[in-house]
Each structure stands twice: as structure tokens, then as C-alpha cells.
């Protein structure tokens, strides 16, 4: 059973890396980030030495807080940590709600 789970994780990682390679490069967020929370590196990712970039779409309220996030790509092992961190980011205030695309990179240490 454990071997099946590991095989599934490896297959999911391979698929997400293929998707990430085929997506176009993104531009930096239009609104400046004023508070950037660093994601916690998941224990499973540490043990498996998984690295990569997670791409997230964040809907940002006019006051700069993050209303919601949506994963656009990245390793399934890393996406929850990335999403949790971005939900706590703060952006510059603006006239209206905006959608920002951000990328977080995880590197094994």
C-alpha cells in the first residue's frame, strides 16, 4: 500500500512539472506585496527532497488582504503550504479588488 502511495505522489509530481513547463511565464503582481509570509516546507517534501515552484492566483480586496486563492500549478505536495502562506500576504491598497498571480519557489535544504 505504501509503495502505491509513493508511486501516486511521484506520478502527480511528474504531471504537475509537465504542466508547469508548458505554461507561459507570468508577470510580477501588479500590486506591490507589503507583507510576504514564507511558507512552511512540508515534512513529506523535505523527506522526499521535493523542490519546485507553485503558481497561485490570489484575489486581493481593496484593503490589500487576500480574499481567496486558486492553485494554477505546482507539486501536489507543496501547494497547500504555498496557498496557506499567500492567504496571509498583504498587498498595497487599491481602488478595487484585483487578481494577482504569484509564484513561490521551494528549495530542498
N, C-alpha and C. Protein backbone atom coordinates (compact mmCIF):
# COMPACT_ATOMS: atom_id res chain seq x y z
N UNK A 1 0.83 -1.20 0.00
CA UNK A 1 0.00 0.00 0.00
C UNK A 1 0.88 1.27 0.00
N UNK A 2 1.96 1.24 0.79
CA UNK A 2 2.84 2.39 0.87
C UNK A 2 3.52 2.64 -0.48
N UNK A 3 3.93 1.56 -1.16
CA UNK A 3 4.57 1.71 -2.46
C UNK A 3 3.61 2.34 -3.46
N UNK A 4 2.33 1.97 -3.38
CA UNK A 4 1.32 2.53 -4.27
C UNK A 4 1.16 4.03 -4.01
N UNK A 5 1.16 4.42 -2.74
CA UNK A 5 1.03 5.84 -2.40
C UNK A 5 2.22 6.63 -2.91
N UNK A 6 3.43 6.08 -2.75
CA UNK A 6 4.63 6.77 -3.23
C UNK A 6 4.60 6.88 -4.75
N UNK A 7 4.16 5.80 -5.43
CA UNK A 7 4.07 5.84 -6.89
C UNK A 7 3.08 6.91 -7.33
N UNK A 8 1.96 7.04 -6.61
CA UNK A 8 0.96 8.05 -6.95
C UNK A 8 1.54 9.45 -6.80
N UNK A 9 2.26 9.70 -5.70
CA UNK A 9 2.86 11.02 -5.47
C UNK A 9 3.86 11.35 -6.57
N UNK A 10 4.69 10.37 -6.94
CA UNK A 10 5.68 10.59 -8.00
C UNK A 10 5.00 10.89 -9.33
N UNK A 11 3.93 10.15 -9.64
CA UNK A 11 3.19 10.39 -10.88
C UNK A 11 2.57 11.80 -10.88
N UNK A 12 2.01 12.20 -9.75
CA UNK A 12 1.39 13.52 -9.66
C UNK A 12 2.43 14.62 -9.80
N UNK A 13 3.60 14.42 -9.21
CA UNK A 13 4.68 15.40 -9.32
C UNK A 13 5.13 15.53 -10.77
N UNK A 14 5.29 14.40 -11.43
CA UNK A 14 5.73 14.41 -12.83
C UNK A 14 4.73 15.15 -13.70
N UNK A 15 3.45 14.88 -13.48
CA UNK A 15 2.40 15.54 -14.26
C UNK A 15 2.40 17.04 -14.01
N UNK A 16 2.52 17.45 -12.73
CA UNK A 16 2.49 18.88 -12.43
C UNK A 16 3.71 19.59 -13.01
N UNK A 17 4.87 18.92 -13.06
CA UNK A 17 6.05 19.53 -13.64
C UNK A 17 5.88 19.71 -15.14
N UNK A 18 5.24 18.76 -15.80
CA UNK A 18 4.98 18.90 -17.23
C UNK A 18 4.04 20.07 -17.49
N UNK A 19 3.02 20.21 -16.65
CA UNK A 19 2.08 21.32 -16.81
C UNK A 19 2.78 22.65 -16.58
N UNK A 20 3.64 22.72 -15.55
CA UNK A 20 4.34 23.96 -15.24
C UNK A 20 5.29 24.35 -16.37
N UNK A 21 5.92 23.36 -17.01
CA UNK A 21 6.84 23.65 -18.10
C UNK A 21 6.12 24.18 -19.32
N UNK A 22 4.87 23.77 -19.51
CA UNK A 22 4.15 24.19 -20.70
C UNK A 22 3.42 25.51 -20.54
N UNK A 23 3.35 26.04 -19.30
CA UNK A 23 2.64 27.29 -19.10
C UNK A 23 3.55 28.48 -19.38
N UNK A 24 2.99 29.58 -19.90
CA UNK A 24 3.81 30.74 -20.21
C UNK A 24 4.32 31.42 -18.95
N UNK A 25 5.40 32.17 -19.08
CA UNK A 25 5.96 32.90 -17.94
C UNK A 25 4.97 33.96 -17.49
N UNK A 26 4.90 34.19 -16.19
CA UNK A 26 3.95 35.17 -15.68
C UNK A 26 4.66 36.47 -15.35
N UNK A 27 3.89 37.53 -15.33
CA UNK A 27 4.44 38.82 -14.96
C UNK A 27 4.34 38.99 -13.45
N UNK A 28 5.12 39.90 -12.87
CA UNK A 28 5.05 40.11 -11.43
C UNK A 28 3.68 40.69 -11.06
N UNK A 29 3.28 40.56 -9.79
CA UNK A 29 1.99 41.10 -9.38
C UNK A 29 1.90 42.60 -9.68
N UNK A 30 0.71 43.05 -10.06
CA UNK A 30 0.53 44.48 -10.35
C UNK A 30 0.56 45.30 -9.06
N UNK A 31 0.02 44.73 -7.99
CA UNK A 31 0.04 45.42 -6.70
C UNK A 31 1.26 44.95 -5.91
N UNK A 32 1.93 45.88 -5.29
CA UNK A 32 3.12 45.56 -4.51
C UNK A 32 2.75 44.77 -3.25
N UNK A 33 3.53 43.75 -2.96
CA UNK A 33 3.34 42.97 -1.74
C UNK A 33 4.00 43.74 -0.60
N UNK A 34 3.23 44.03 0.46
CA UNK A 34 3.77 44.76 1.60
C UNK A 34 4.14 43.83 2.75
N UNK A 35 3.53 42.64 2.81
CA UNK A 35 3.86 41.62 3.82
C UNK A 35 3.84 40.26 3.14
N UNK A 36 5.00 39.64 3.09
CA UNK A 36 5.13 38.33 2.43
C UNK A 36 5.42 37.28 3.50
N UNK A 37 4.48 36.34 3.70
CA UNK A 37 4.66 35.26 4.66
C UNK A 37 5.34 34.10 3.95
N UNK A 38 6.42 33.60 4.54
CA UNK A 38 7.17 32.48 3.96
C UNK A 38 6.44 31.18 4.26
N UNK A 39 6.22 30.34 3.26
CA UNK A 39 5.51 29.07 3.51
C UNK A 39 6.38 28.10 4.30
N UNK A 40 5.73 27.25 5.09
CA UNK A 40 6.44 26.19 5.80
C UNK A 40 6.67 25.04 4.83
N UNK A 41 7.89 24.56 4.79
CA UNK A 41 8.24 23.45 3.90
C UNK A 41 7.62 22.18 4.47
N UNK A 42 6.72 21.51 3.74
CA UNK A 42 6.07 20.30 4.27
C UNK A 42 7.09 19.19 4.58
N UNK A 43 6.86 18.47 5.69
CA UNK A 43 7.77 17.39 6.09
C UNK A 43 7.96 16.35 5.01
N UNK A 44 6.87 15.95 4.34
CA UNK A 44 6.97 14.95 3.27
C UNK A 44 7.88 15.45 2.15
N UNK A 45 7.74 16.72 1.81
CA UNK A 45 8.58 17.30 0.76
C UNK A 45 10.05 17.30 1.19
N UNK A 46 10.30 17.58 2.46
CA UNK A 46 11.67 17.55 2.97
C UNK A 46 12.25 16.14 2.85
N UNK A 47 11.47 15.16 3.32
CA UNK A 47 11.97 13.78 3.30
C UNK A 47 12.22 13.29 1.89
N UNK A 48 11.36 13.69 0.95
CA UNK A 48 11.50 13.24 -0.44
C UNK A 48 12.36 14.19 -1.27
N UNK A 49 12.85 15.27 -0.62
CA UNK A 49 13.68 16.28 -1.28
C UNK A 49 12.98 16.85 -2.53
N UNK A 50 11.70 17.13 -2.37
CA UNK A 50 10.90 17.69 -3.46
C UNK A 50 11.13 19.20 -3.50
N UNK A 51 11.41 19.71 -4.67
CA UNK A 51 11.60 21.13 -4.90
C UNK A 51 10.64 21.55 -6.01
N UNK A 52 10.44 22.84 -6.13
CA UNK A 52 9.64 23.31 -7.25
C UNK A 52 8.99 24.63 -6.99
N UNK A 53 8.25 25.07 -7.98
CA UNK A 53 7.55 26.35 -7.92
C UNK A 53 6.05 26.08 -7.93
N UNK A 54 5.34 26.83 -7.11
CA UNK A 54 3.89 26.76 -7.06
C UNK A 54 3.36 28.10 -7.56
N UNK A 55 2.44 28.03 -8.50
CA UNK A 55 1.84 29.24 -9.08
C UNK A 55 0.42 29.38 -8.51
N UNK A 56 0.13 30.55 -7.95
CA UNK A 56 -1.15 30.79 -7.28
C UNK A 56 -1.79 32.08 -7.78
N UNK A 57 -3.09 32.01 -7.99
CA UNK A 57 -3.88 33.20 -8.30
C UNK A 57 -4.53 33.66 -7.00
N UNK A 58 -4.32 34.91 -6.62
CA UNK A 58 -4.88 35.47 -5.39
C UNK A 58 -5.84 36.59 -5.73
N UNK A 59 -7.04 36.53 -5.18
CA UNK A 59 -8.00 37.62 -5.30
C UNK A 59 -7.75 38.52 -4.09
N UNK A 60 -7.40 39.79 -4.36
CA UNK A 60 -7.00 40.71 -3.30
C UNK A 60 -8.06 41.80 -3.15
N UNK A 61 -8.51 41.98 -1.91
CA UNK A 61 -9.51 43.01 -1.60
C UNK A 61 -8.89 44.40 -1.75
N UNK A 62 -9.72 45.43 -1.84
CA UNK A 62 -9.19 46.80 -1.95
C UNK A 62 -8.26 47.19 -0.79
N UNK A 63 -8.50 46.64 0.41
CA UNK A 63 -7.64 47.00 1.55
C UNK A 63 -6.31 46.25 1.56
N UNK A 64 -6.09 45.34 0.59
CA UNK A 64 -4.82 44.64 0.47
C UNK A 64 -4.78 43.23 1.05
N UNK A 65 -5.84 42.80 1.71
CA UNK A 65 -5.86 41.43 2.25
C UNK A 65 -6.31 40.46 1.16
N UNK A 66 -5.89 39.22 1.30
CA UNK A 66 -6.22 38.19 0.31
C UNK A 66 -7.59 37.60 0.63
N UNK A 67 -8.48 37.68 -0.33
CA UNK A 67 -9.84 37.15 -0.18
C UNK A 67 -9.88 35.64 -0.45
N UNK A 68 -9.18 35.21 -1.52
CA UNK A 68 -9.18 33.78 -1.87
C UNK A 68 -7.97 33.47 -2.72
N UNK A 69 -7.65 32.18 -2.82
CA UNK A 69 -6.55 31.73 -3.66
C UNK A 69 -7.01 30.56 -4.51
N UNK A 70 -6.32 30.38 -5.63
CA UNK A 70 -6.59 29.24 -6.52
C UNK A 70 -5.24 28.77 -7.05
N UNK A 71 -5.00 27.47 -6.94
CA UNK A 71 -3.74 26.90 -7.40
C UNK A 71 -3.77 26.81 -8.93
N UNK A 72 -2.71 27.32 -9.56
CA UNK A 72 -2.60 27.26 -11.01
C UNK A 72 -1.60 26.20 -11.46
N UNK A 73 -0.72 25.77 -10.57
CA UNK A 73 0.25 24.74 -10.92
C UNK A 73 1.26 24.54 -9.81
N UNK A 74 1.88 23.38 -9.83
CA UNK A 74 2.90 23.06 -8.85
C UNK A 74 2.73 21.67 -8.30
N UNK A 75 3.71 21.25 -7.53
CA UNK A 75 3.70 19.92 -6.93
C UNK A 75 2.55 19.80 -5.93
N UNK A 76 1.79 18.71 -6.00
CA UNK A 76 0.70 18.49 -5.05
C UNK A 76 1.19 18.46 -3.60
N UNK A 77 2.44 18.12 -3.39
CA UNK A 77 2.99 18.06 -2.03
C UNK A 77 3.25 19.47 -1.49
N UNK A 78 3.40 20.45 -2.36
CA UNK A 78 3.77 21.81 -1.94
C UNK A 78 2.62 22.81 -1.97
N UNK A 79 1.55 22.51 -2.71
CA UNK A 79 0.52 23.53 -2.96
C UNK A 79 -0.20 24.01 -1.71
N UNK A 80 -0.47 23.14 -0.75
CA UNK A 80 -1.21 23.57 0.44
C UNK A 80 -0.39 24.56 1.26
N UNK A 81 0.89 24.29 1.43
CA UNK A 81 1.75 25.20 2.19
C UNK A 81 1.84 26.56 1.49
N UNK A 82 1.95 26.53 0.18
CA UNK A 82 2.03 27.78 -0.59
C UNK A 82 0.74 28.58 -0.45
N UNK A 83 -0.38 27.90 -0.60
CA UNK A 83 -1.68 28.58 -0.51
C UNK A 83 -1.89 29.17 0.89
N UNK A 84 -1.56 28.41 1.92
CA UNK A 84 -1.71 28.91 3.29
C UNK A 84 -0.88 30.17 3.52
N UNK A 85 0.33 30.20 2.97
CA UNK A 85 1.19 31.37 3.14
C UNK A 85 0.61 32.59 2.41
N UNK A 86 0.21 32.40 1.15
CA UNK A 86 -0.30 33.53 0.35
C UNK A 86 -1.57 34.11 0.96
N UNK A 87 -2.38 33.29 1.59
CA UNK A 87 -3.60 33.80 2.24
C UNK A 87 -3.30 34.82 3.33
N UNK A 88 -2.07 34.80 3.84
CA UNK A 88 -1.66 35.74 4.89
C UNK A 88 -0.84 36.92 4.37
N UNK A 89 -0.63 36.98 3.06
CA UNK A 89 0.10 38.10 2.47
C UNK A 89 -0.76 39.36 2.54
N UNK A 90 -0.09 40.50 2.48
CA UNK A 90 -0.77 41.80 2.39
C UNK A 90 -0.20 42.53 1.18
N UNK A 91 -1.10 43.18 0.45
CA UNK A 91 -0.74 43.95 -0.74
C UNK A 91 -1.05 45.42 -0.49
N UNK A 92 -0.52 46.28 -1.35
CA UNK A 92 -0.85 47.71 -1.28
C UNK A 92 -2.36 47.88 -1.47
N UNK A 93 -2.90 48.88 -0.84
CA UNK A 93 -4.31 49.20 -1.02
C UNK A 93 -4.55 49.68 -2.45
N UNK A 94 -5.78 49.46 -2.93
CA UNK A 94 -6.15 49.87 -4.29
C UNK A 94 -7.60 50.29 -4.30
N UNK A 95 -8.04 50.84 -5.43
CA UNK A 95 -9.42 51.30 -5.58
C UNK A 95 -10.43 50.16 -5.61
N UNK A 96 -10.00 49.01 -6.14
CA UNK A 96 -10.94 47.90 -6.29
C UNK A 96 -10.23 46.56 -6.07
N UNK A 97 -11.01 45.52 -6.05
CA UNK A 97 -10.48 44.16 -5.92
C UNK A 97 -9.69 43.81 -7.18
N UNK A 98 -8.56 43.14 -7.00
CA UNK A 98 -7.75 42.72 -8.15
C UNK A 98 -7.40 41.24 -8.02
N UNK A 99 -6.95 40.68 -9.13
CA UNK A 99 -6.47 39.31 -9.14
C UNK A 99 -4.99 39.34 -9.48
N UNK A 100 -4.20 38.75 -8.61
CA UNK A 100 -2.74 38.73 -8.77
C UNK A 100 -2.28 37.29 -8.92
N UNK A 101 -1.30 37.06 -9.77
CA UNK A 101 -0.70 35.74 -9.92
C UNK A 101 0.70 35.81 -9.34
N UNK A 102 0.97 34.93 -8.37
CA UNK A 102 2.27 34.91 -7.71
C UNK A 102 2.87 33.51 -7.79
N UNK A 103 4.18 33.43 -7.66
CA UNK A 103 4.88 32.16 -7.68
C UNK A 103 5.75 32.05 -6.42
N UNK A 104 5.71 30.89 -5.80
CA UNK A 104 6.55 30.61 -4.66
C UNK A 104 7.45 29.44 -5.00
N UNK A 105 8.73 29.56 -4.70
CA UNK A 105 9.69 28.52 -5.02
C UNK A 105 10.15 27.83 -3.74
N UNK A 106 10.10 26.51 -3.77
CA UNK A 106 10.56 25.69 -2.65
C UNK A 106 11.88 25.03 -3.07
N UNK A 107 12.88 25.14 -2.21
CA UNK A 107 14.17 24.51 -2.49
C UNK A 107 14.54 23.63 -1.32
N UNK A 108 14.89 22.38 -1.59
CA UNK A 108 15.31 21.44 -0.54
C UNK A 108 16.62 21.91 0.06
N UNK A 109 16.74 21.78 1.36
CA UNK A 109 17.98 22.18 2.04
C UNK A 109 18.55 21.04 2.79
